[in-house]
Amino acid sequence: MKNYFLIIPVVIFLSAQDKIYSQIPITLKFENYYDDNIYNNSMKTSDFISSVSFSTGYNFESERNNLQFYYMNNFGYFNENLSKSSNSHKLGIVNTFLFAEDDNPLNLGVNYSFRNNRDEYSTFDFNQLSLYANYRHSLSEDSFMLLGYLFSKNDYKNLSVFSYNENKGFVKYSTTFSTRTTLLIGSEIYFKSYLENTADSSSKNGTSQLSLYLNLSQSLAENSGLSGYFNLRTNLTTTTRYLYSGDLIFYEEEIFNDIYSNDGYDFGVAFTQIITPKISSKIELGYSTKNFSNLPAATIDGYYLNENRNDKQYAVGIELLTNLNSIVTGLTASIKWNYIKNNSNDAFYLYDNQIFSISFEWGL
């Protein structure tokens, strides 16, 4: 009977539309890349990875409404470290309604995703259920407000102590000036509550974080542009969870790279240049800090220091993108190089990382 209750609202919605149009979007991406530090630590393990991503959906469109059912997946294959290979999948429904002709969209959606790992990494398998809503309201021809909310339930079936619910809210404002400068400012707030409570006084049952950001983009000429951003994250409450295994402690921060484990700031700039009608390039520079709240720094031998871990990271990236429509309609190709230098008072996380990638993407 439950399946009928899912079908009936959709049937009622479709029968109420004057004009319905169907469309099937498809995107396929192949990427091969060499990563000289796949674990991002001082051990410096390298590998060659192949990645395939596919997404499709089905749209029911009317003049002011679009209902989409969609599916996405990714398959990653590590040639040397086979156990790191994995696959992930996402299924979802999203409805977009326009309150004004061609403007002021309200999006309501729900999706379910899961990730499957291999061998010992299957311990980290997870699934996620998300519900979200966002609304974009035009204030003028050159400015708008964006409001949104997201709820997700994140379940680690083999590490249930780390499973949690998360609530996110955000507000953004964007405006474009006559100088062809676009300003975007916004704020996000996150609340995380664990599904399993604990009586351990050193491990709380929830945490929260506030994020403030600013983005500026400037058109320099007809074929070039410059953009920059600044993002500040601060923990409103701090907590950590960990597991004991013999004499070892496994911190949540290290297992999942948990965003709540640290606060700090990051900023960066990007320069984009259209070289020819079919070729464009981008250069990006970035810097970030991470101040970990409850994760002690350690020596390379694993002895804890009397201070928490603190990271300062530098990053640079170069991308060359080309349009291959003359060969196959909807086909693009890109070549990328990324470099990361991470300075840390924890010797295990003092590292650098280079990634070289070539990808092809086709979409209709």
Protein backbone atom coordinates (compact mmCIF):
# COMPACT_ATOMS: atom_id res chain seq x y z
CA MET A 1 0.00 0.00 0.00
CA LYS A 2 2.86 2.44 0.71
CA ASN A 3 3.91 2.44 -2.96
CA TYR A 4 0.44 3.65 -4.01
CA PHE A 5 0.73 6.69 -1.75
CA LEU A 6 3.96 7.65 -3.57
CA ILE A 7 2.39 7.26 -7.02
CA ILE A 8 -0.96 9.03 -6.44
CA PRO A 9 0.44 12.57 -5.80
CA VAL A 10 2.55 12.32 -8.96
CA VAL A 11 -0.44 11.21 -11.06
CA ILE A 12 -2.59 14.04 -9.65
CA PHE A 13 0.18 16.55 -10.38
CA LEU A 14 0.60 15.38 -13.99
CA SER A 15 -3.11 15.33 -14.73
CA ALA A 16 -3.44 18.93 -13.52
CA GLN A 17 -0.90 20.32 -16.03
CA ASP A 18 -2.13 21.91 -19.26
CA LYS A 19 1.00 21.16 -21.27
CA ILE A 20 3.51 18.50 -20.29
CA TYR A 21 6.88 18.04 -22.02
CA SER A 22 9.26 15.15 -21.32
CA GLN A 23 13.05 15.31 -21.53
CA ILE A 24 15.85 12.89 -20.66
CA PRO A 25 19.15 14.61 -19.74
CA ILE A 26 22.27 12.40 -19.90
CA THR A 27 25.83 13.12 -18.77
CA LEU A 28 28.79 10.74 -19.04
CA LYS A 29 32.29 11.53 -17.77
CA PHE A 30 35.56 9.58 -18.03
CA GLU A 31 38.56 10.73 -16.01
CA ASN A 32 42.04 9.29 -15.64
CA TYR A 33 44.44 10.84 -13.18
CA TYR A 34 47.73 10.27 -11.42
CA ASP A 35 47.77 11.16 -7.72
CA ASP A 36 51.16 11.05 -6.02
CA ASN A 37 49.67 11.11 -2.50
CA ILE A 38 46.27 9.40 -2.42
CA TYR A 39 46.01 9.44 1.39
CA ASN A 40 47.22 13.05 1.84
CA ASN A 41 49.82 12.27 4.48
CA SER A 42 53.59 12.04 4.90
CA MET A 43 53.66 8.38 3.75
CA LYS A 44 53.34 9.59 0.13
CA THR A 45 51.49 6.68 -1.52
CA SER A 46 50.85 7.18 -5.24
CA ASP A 47 48.44 5.58 -7.70
CA PHE A 48 46.81 5.86 -11.12
CA ILE A 49 43.01 6.13 -10.86
CA SER A 50 40.27 5.67 -13.43
CA SER A 51 36.87 7.21 -12.76
CA VAL A 52 33.57 6.87 -14.62
CA SER A 53 30.49 8.94 -13.77
CA PHE A 54 27.03 8.71 -15.28
CA SER A 55 23.88 10.70 -14.59
CA THR A 56 20.45 10.74 -16.14
CA GLY A 57 16.93 11.77 -15.31
CA TYR A 58 13.44 12.25 -16.62
CA ASN A 59 11.74 15.64 -16.68
CA PHE A 60 8.05 16.41 -16.70
CA GLU A 61 7.93 20.06 -17.79
CA SER A 62 5.15 22.60 -18.01
CA GLU A 63 5.33 26.35 -18.46
CA ARG A 64 6.08 27.06 -14.81
CA ASN A 65 6.87 23.68 -13.30
CA ASN A 66 9.49 20.99 -13.77
CA LEU A 67 9.42 17.64 -11.97
CA GLN A 68 12.59 15.57 -12.35
CA PHE A 69 13.48 12.03 -11.34
CA TYR A 70 17.25 11.54 -11.51
CA TYR A 71 20.04 9.03 -10.94
CA MET A 72 23.82 9.56 -10.60
CA ASN A 73 26.72 7.22 -10.00
CA ASN A 74 30.51 7.09 -9.87
CA PHE A 75 32.93 4.18 -10.17
CA GLY A 76 36.54 4.73 -9.09
CA TYR A 77 39.26 2.16 -9.77
CA PHE A 78 42.72 2.32 -8.16
CA ASN A 79 45.30 0.37 -10.16
CA GLU A 80 47.80 -0.32 -7.37
CA ASN A 81 45.77 0.13 -4.18
CA LEU A 82 42.78 -1.94 -5.28
CA SER A 83 41.12 -1.86 -1.88
CA LYS A 84 40.54 1.92 -2.30
CA SER A 85 38.30 1.31 -5.31
CA SER A 86 34.65 2.18 -4.68
CA ASN A 87 31.32 3.02 -6.23
CA SER A 88 28.63 5.49 -5.19
CA HIS A 89 25.02 6.05 -6.27
CA LYS A 90 22.33 8.69 -5.80
CA LEU A 91 18.62 8.62 -6.65
CA GLY A 92 16.38 11.60 -6.21
CA ILE A 93 13.28 13.64 -7.02
CA VAL A 94 13.23 17.42 -7.33
CA ASN A 95 10.38 19.76 -8.23
CA THR A 96 10.98 23.32 -9.44
CA PHE A 97 8.13 25.82 -9.51
CA LEU A 98 8.41 29.37 -10.91
CA PHE A 99 6.44 32.00 -8.99
CA ALA A 100 7.06 34.51 -11.78
CA GLU A 101 7.40 33.93 -15.49
CA ASP A 102 10.92 32.54 -16.04
CA ASP A 103 11.96 33.61 -12.51
CA ASN A 104 11.71 33.16 -8.71
CA PRO A 105 12.14 29.37 -8.58
CA LEU A 106 11.27 27.24 -5.56
CA ASN A 107 13.07 23.87 -5.42
CA LEU A 108 11.85 20.99 -3.25
CA GLY A 109 13.71 17.70 -3.35
CA VAL A 110 14.60 14.43 -1.71
CA ASN A 111 17.44 12.03 -2.54
CA TYR A 112 19.04 8.86 -1.26
CA SER A 113 22.71 8.06 -1.77
CA PHE A 114 25.06 5.28 -0.74
CA ARG A 115 28.72 4.33 -1.15
CA ASN A 116 30.22 0.85 -1.42
CA ASN A 117 33.89 0.29 -0.59
CA ARG A 118 36.09 -2.78 -1.01
CA ASP A 119 37.88 -5.07 1.41
CA GLU A 120 38.86 -3.41 4.69
CA TYR A 121 37.42 -0.08 3.52
CA SER A 122 33.91 -1.58 3.55
CA THR A 123 33.94 -0.59 7.22
CA PHE A 124 33.32 2.96 5.99
CA ASP A 125 30.27 2.15 3.83
CA PHE A 126 27.50 4.67 4.38
CA ASN A 127 24.10 5.77 3.15
CA GLN A 128 22.44 9.17 3.30
CA LEU A 129 18.86 10.40 3.07
CA SER A 130 18.46 14.12 2.29
CA LEU A 131 15.51 16.51 2.04
CA TYR A 132 15.99 20.08 0.90
CA ALA A 133 14.26 23.30 -0.11
CA ASN A 134 15.60 26.53 -1.56
CA TYR A 135 14.07 29.68 -3.01
CA ARG A 136 15.67 32.32 -5.24
CA HIS A 137 13.94 35.72 -5.27
CA SER A 138 14.89 38.44 -7.75
CA LEU A 139 15.13 41.89 -6.19
CA SER A 140 15.93 43.60 -9.48
CA GLU A 141 17.40 42.72 -12.86
CA ASP A 142 20.86 42.65 -11.29
CA SER A 143 20.33 41.26 -7.78
CA PHE A 144 18.68 38.37 -5.97
CA MET A 145 18.34 36.62 -2.60
CA LEU A 146 18.68 32.88 -2.11
CA LEU A 147 17.34 31.06 0.97
CA GLY A 148 17.67 27.36 1.66
CA TYR A 149 17.43 24.47 4.12
CA LEU A 150 18.83 20.93 4.02
CA PHE A 151 18.23 17.97 6.32
CA SER A 152 20.25 14.77 6.00
CA LYS A 153 20.53 11.51 7.89
CA ASN A 154 24.00 9.97 7.55
CA ASP A 155 24.30 6.32 8.52
CA TYR A 156 27.59 4.41 8.87
CA LYS A 157 26.27 0.91 9.33
CA ASN A 158 29.63 -0.51 10.47
CA LEU A 159 30.58 2.51 12.60
CA SER A 160 27.19 3.41 14.02
CA VAL A 161 28.65 5.55 16.83
CA PHE A 162 29.51 8.13 14.13
CA SER A 163 26.06 8.15 12.45
CA TYR A 164 24.29 11.50 12.71
CA ASN A 165 21.52 13.86 11.60
CA GLU A 166 22.45 17.20 10.10
CA ASN A 167 20.49 20.42 9.61
CA LYS A 168 21.83 23.20 7.37
CA GLY A 169 20.42 26.63 6.62
CA PHE A 170 21.81 29.33 4.36
CA VAL A 171 21.10 32.80 3.01
CA LYS A 172 22.86 34.47 0.06
CA TYR A 173 22.70 37.84 -1.62
CA SER A 174 24.10 38.58 -5.07
CA THR A 175 24.27 41.81 -7.07
CA THR A 176 26.00 42.95 -10.25
CA PHE A 177 27.23 46.52 -10.69
CA SER A 178 27.58 48.62 -13.84
CA THR A 179 31.34 47.99 -13.65
CA ARG A 180 30.61 44.31 -14.47
CA THR A 181 31.53 43.36 -10.92
CA THR A 182 29.43 40.69 -9.20
CA LEU A 183 29.29 40.51 -5.40
CA LEU A 184 28.02 37.47 -3.52
CA ILE A 185 27.80 37.42 0.27
CA GLY A 186 26.24 34.75 2.43
CA SER A 187 26.08 32.78 5.62
CA GLU A 188 25.53 29.12 6.44
CA ILE A 189 24.81 27.45 9.77
CA TYR A 190 25.20 23.73 10.46
CA PHE A 191 23.86 21.57 13.29
CA LYS A 192 24.99 17.98 13.80
CA SER A 193 23.42 15.54 16.27
CA TYR A 194 24.60 11.95 16.71
CA LEU A 195 22.05 9.16 16.47
CA GLU A 196 23.63 7.32 19.38
CA ASN A 197 23.99 9.25 22.62
CA THR A 198 26.95 8.64 24.86
CA ALA A 199 27.46 9.17 28.57
CA ASP A 200 31.19 9.90 28.08
CA SER A 201 31.73 13.41 29.47
CA SER A 202 34.51 14.09 26.92
CA SER A 203 32.26 13.25 23.96
CA LYS A 204 29.18 15.41 23.44
CA ASN A 205 26.11 14.37 21.48
CA GLY A 206 26.05 17.24 19.02
CA THR A 207 27.93 20.20 17.56
CA SER A 208 27.37 23.26 15.35
CA GLN A 209 29.28 25.57 13.04
CA LEU A 210 28.75 28.97 11.39
CA SER A 211 30.20 29.95 8.02
CA LEU A 212 30.46 33.45 6.50
CA TYR A 213 31.67 33.99 2.95
CA LEU A 214 32.22 36.62 0.30
CA ASN A 215 32.81 36.18 -3.43
CA LEU A 216 33.78 38.87 -5.95
CA SER A 217 34.04 38.34 -9.70
CA GLN A 218 35.12 40.91 -12.26
CA SER A 219 34.91 40.84 -16.04
CA LEU A 220 38.27 42.22 -17.22
CA ALA A 221 37.60 42.05 -20.94
CA GLU A 222 35.34 40.26 -23.37
CA ASN A 223 37.25 36.98 -22.97
CA SER A 224 38.78 37.16 -19.49
CA GLY A 225 37.63 37.36 -15.89
CA LEU A 226 38.97 37.42 -12.36
CA SER A 227 37.27 36.13 -9.20
CA GLY A 228 38.14 35.84 -5.55
CA TYR A 229 36.55 34.43 -2.39
CA PHE A 230 36.94 34.47 1.37
CA ASN A 231 35.28 32.02 3.76
CA LEU A 232 35.36 32.06 7.57
CA ARG A 233 34.24 29.04 9.62
CA THR A 234 33.79 29.12 13.38
CA ASN A 235 32.55 26.40 15.71
CA LEU A 236 29.64 27.47 17.90
CA THR A 237 30.04 24.28 19.93
CA THR A 238 32.88 21.76 19.70
CA THR A 239 32.98 18.03 20.24
CA THR A 240 34.76 14.92 19.05
CA ARG A 241 34.14 11.20 18.94
CA TYR A 242 36.61 8.39 18.80
CA LEU A 243 36.92 4.61 18.96
CA TYR A 244 39.33 2.55 21.02
CA SER A 245 41.01 -0.44 19.39
CA GLY A 246 43.55 -2.00 21.71
CA ASP A 247 46.01 0.75 22.57
CA LEU A 248 45.00 2.88 19.57
CA ILE A 249 42.50 5.74 19.39
CA PHE A 250 40.71 6.45 16.10
CA TYR A 251 39.40 10.02 15.96
CA GLU A 252 36.39 10.91 13.84
CA GLU A 253 38.34 13.84 12.38
CA GLU A 254 40.94 11.50 10.90
CA ILE A 255 38.50 8.82 9.72
CA PHE A 256 36.00 11.06 7.90
CA ASN A 257 37.77 14.44 7.57
CA ASP A 258 34.85 15.85 9.56
CA ILE A 259 34.22 19.58 8.90
CA TYR A 260 33.05 20.13 12.50
CA SER A 261 36.42 19.03 13.86
CA ASN A 262 38.07 22.33 12.97
CA ASP A 263 37.46 25.97 12.18
CA GLY A 264 39.52 28.59 10.37
CA TYR A 265 39.40 30.48 7.11
CA ASP A 266 40.24 30.05 3.44
CA PHE A 267 40.56 32.40 0.50
CA GLY A 268 41.56 32.19 -3.13
CA VAL A 269 41.63 33.81 -6.55
CA ALA A 270 40.95 32.46 -10.04
CA PHE A 271 41.73 33.88 -13.47
CA THR A 272 39.78 32.63 -16.50
CA GLN A 273 40.75 33.27 -20.12
CA ILE A 274 38.96 32.26 -23.32
CA ILE A 275 41.84 31.57 -25.72
CA THR A 276 39.77 30.68 -28.76
CA PRO A 277 36.03 30.06 -29.23
CA LYS A 278 36.73 26.39 -28.41
CA ILE A 279 39.54 26.59 -25.84
CA SER A 280 39.55 28.22 -22.39
CA SER A 281 41.92 28.15 -19.43
CA LYS A 282 41.77 28.74 -15.67
CA ILE A 283 44.44 29.35 -13.03
CA GLU A 284 43.51 29.11 -9.32
CA LEU A 285 45.44 29.93 -6.13
CA GLY A 286 44.21 29.17 -2.62
CA TYR A 287 45.17 29.25 1.04
CA SER A 288 43.38 27.76 4.05
CA THR A 289 43.84 27.23 7.77
CA LYS A 290 42.41 24.51 10.00
CA ASN A 291 42.47 24.77 13.78
CA PHE A 292 41.41 21.43 15.23
CA SER A 293 39.39 21.69 18.43
CA ASN A 294 40.02 18.34 20.10
CA LEU A 295 42.59 16.48 17.99
CA PRO A 296 46.04 16.48 19.60
CA ALA A 297 49.08 16.85 17.33
CA ALA A 298 51.56 13.99 17.36
CA THR A 299 55.10 13.13 16.34
CA ILE A 300 55.75 10.79 13.43
CA ASP A 301 56.09 7.96 15.98
CA GLY A 302 52.59 8.64 17.35
CA TYR A 303 53.48 10.41 20.61
CA TYR A 304 50.96 13.14 21.43
CA LEU A 305 52.11 16.73 21.89
CA ASN A 306 50.68 19.25 24.35
CA GLU A 307 48.88 21.14 21.60
CA ASN A 308 46.09 20.51 19.13
CA ARG A 309 46.70 19.92 15.45
CA ASN A 310 46.94 23.05 13.29
CA ASP A 311 47.21 23.03 9.48
CA LYS A 312 48.06 25.71 6.91
CA GLN A 313 47.51 24.68 3.31
CA TYR A 314 48.57 26.24 -0.01
CA ALA A 315 47.04 25.15 -3.32
CA VAL A 316 47.42 25.95 -7.01
CA GLY A 317 45.56 24.57 -10.01
CA ILE A 318 45.70 24.96 -13.79
CA GLU A 319 43.01 23.76 -16.20
CA LEU A 320 42.75 23.75 -19.99
CA LEU A 321 39.25 23.07 -21.34
CA THR A 322 38.33 22.44 -24.97
CA ASN A 323 35.03 22.06 -26.80
CA LEU A 324 34.91 19.02 -29.10
CA ASN A 325 31.47 19.64 -30.60
CA SER A 326 32.99 19.43 -34.08
CA ILE A 327 33.80 15.76 -33.37
CA VAL A 328 30.86 14.71 -31.19
CA THR A 329 27.96 16.99 -30.18
CA GLY A 330 28.09 17.76 -26.46
CA LEU A 331 31.66 16.51 -25.94
CA THR A 332 34.29 18.46 -23.95
CA ALA A 333 37.78 17.56 -22.74
CA SER A 334 40.00 18.99 -20.01
CA ILE A 335 43.55 18.69 -18.72
CA LYS A 336 44.25 19.66 -15.09
CA TRP A 337 47.20 19.97 -12.75
CA ASN A 338 46.75 20.54 -9.01
CA TYR A 339 49.36 21.00 -6.31
CA ILE A 340 48.78 21.12 -2.54
CA LYS A 341 51.32 21.88 0.18
CA ASN A 342 50.08 21.16 3.71
CA ASN A 343 52.09 22.50 6.66
CA SER A 344 51.10 21.02 10.02
CA ASN A 345 52.42 20.73 13.57
CA ASP A 346 51.45 17.05 13.29
CA ALA A 347 54.30 15.32 11.44
CA PHE A 348 51.98 12.75 9.86
CA TYR A 349 50.08 15.53 8.04
CA LEU A 350 53.13 17.41 6.80
CA TYR A 351 52.88 16.62 3.09
CA ASP A 352 52.56 17.77 -0.50
CA ASN A 353 50.32 16.38 -3.22
CA GLN A 354 50.26 16.61 -7.02
CA ILE A 355 47.44 15.43 -9.29
CA PHE A 356 47.55 15.25 -13.10
CA SER A 357 44.24 14.45 -14.83
CA ILE A 358 42.68 14.12 -18.28
CA SER A 359 38.90 13.91 -18.60
CA PHE A 360 36.22 13.69 -21.27
CA GLU A 361 32.62 14.68 -20.60
CA TRP A 362 29.61 14.22 -22.86
CA GLY A 363 26.16 15.52 -22.18
CA LEU A 364 22.78 16.15 -23.78
